[in-house]
């Protein structure tokens, strides 16, 4: 029987290109594109299977912006 971690490890290869912590502007921009696509797909349907992924990517983008994008005065 496979553990939860083993199941995630098997699935990770197929999602690692769209779910990651951005460390560069290019990675940030790639996540923004993914988020835009998710918004187009999910909209405001909180019960959509990808709604949680959309929320996670939003948090990753916000964290990057907080650390790397200067606030406008």
Protein backbone atom coordinates (compact mmCIF):
# COMPACT_ATOMS: atom_id res chain seq x y z
CA UNK A 1 0.00 0.00 0.00
CA UNK A 2 1.28 3.44 -0.96
CA UNK A 3 1.68 6.25 1.60
CA UNK A 4 0.34 9.76 1.04
CA UNK A 5 3.89 11.02 0.48
CA UNK A 6 4.51 8.35 -2.13
CA UNK A 7 1.30 9.32 -3.92
CA UNK A 8 2.32 12.98 -3.89
CA UNK A 9 5.78 12.10 -5.14
CA UNK A 10 4.29 10.28 -8.11
CA UNK A 11 1.93 13.16 -8.90
CA UNK A 12 4.52 15.89 -8.31
CA UNK A 13 6.36 15.37 -11.59
CA UNK A 14 3.24 16.31 -13.51
CA UNK A 15 2.55 19.53 -11.55
CA UNK A 16 6.02 20.78 -10.56
CA UNK A 17 6.16 23.02 -13.64
CA UNK A 18 3.08 24.97 -12.50
CA UNK A 19 3.36 24.87 -8.71
CA UNK A 20 6.58 26.24 -7.21
CA UNK A 21 7.92 29.04 -5.05
CA UNK A 22 9.08 31.82 -7.40
CA UNK A 23 12.63 33.07 -6.79
CA UNK A 24 13.11 35.10 -9.97
CA UNK A 25 11.04 37.54 -11.97
CA UNK A 26 10.75 34.97 -14.75
CA UNK A 27 9.35 32.38 -12.33
CA UNK A 28 6.99 35.00 -10.91
CA UNK A 29 5.77 35.87 -14.41
CA UNK A 30 5.24 32.17 -15.19
CA UNK A 31 3.08 31.79 -12.06
CA UNK A 32 1.06 34.87 -13.00
CA UNK A 33 0.29 33.26 -16.37
CA UNK A 34 -0.82 30.05 -14.64
CA UNK A 35 -2.99 32.06 -12.24
CA UNK A 36 -4.62 33.92 -15.13
CA UNK A 37 -5.44 30.61 -16.79
CA UNK A 38 -6.86 29.26 -13.53
CA UNK A 39 -8.99 32.37 -13.06
CA UNK A 40 -10.37 31.89 -16.58
CA UNK A 41 -11.18 28.26 -15.78
CA UNK A 42 -12.34 28.48 -12.16
CA UNK A 43 -13.84 31.94 -12.02
CA UNK A 44 -15.51 32.40 -8.65
CA UNK A 45 -16.62 28.79 -8.29
CA UNK A 46 -15.19 27.90 -4.87
CA UNK A 47 -16.31 24.29 -5.34
CA UNK A 48 -14.27 23.88 -8.55
CA UNK A 49 -11.59 21.15 -8.20
CA UNK A 50 -8.86 23.68 -9.04
CA UNK A 51 -10.05 26.44 -6.68
CA UNK A 52 -7.59 25.43 -3.96
CA UNK A 53 -4.70 25.39 -6.45
CA UNK A 54 -5.69 28.88 -7.57
CA UNK A 55 -5.60 30.04 -3.94
CA UNK A 56 -2.18 28.47 -3.30
CA UNK A 57 -0.68 30.09 -6.40
CA UNK A 58 -2.20 33.43 -5.39
CA UNK A 59 -0.45 33.18 -2.01
CA UNK A 60 2.87 32.35 -3.67
CA UNK A 61 2.52 35.33 -6.00
CA UNK A 62 1.57 37.65 -3.13
CA UNK A 63 4.58 36.48 -1.08
CA UNK A 64 6.91 37.16 -4.00
CA UNK A 65 5.41 40.63 -4.50
CA UNK A 66 5.70 41.46 -0.80
CA UNK A 67 9.39 40.56 -0.85
CA UNK A 68 10.40 41.85 -4.29
CA UNK A 69 8.08 44.54 -5.61
CA UNK A 70 8.49 48.01 -4.10
CA UNK A 71 5.33 49.67 -2.88
CA UNK A 72 4.17 52.76 -4.69
CA UNK A 73 3.92 55.90 -2.59
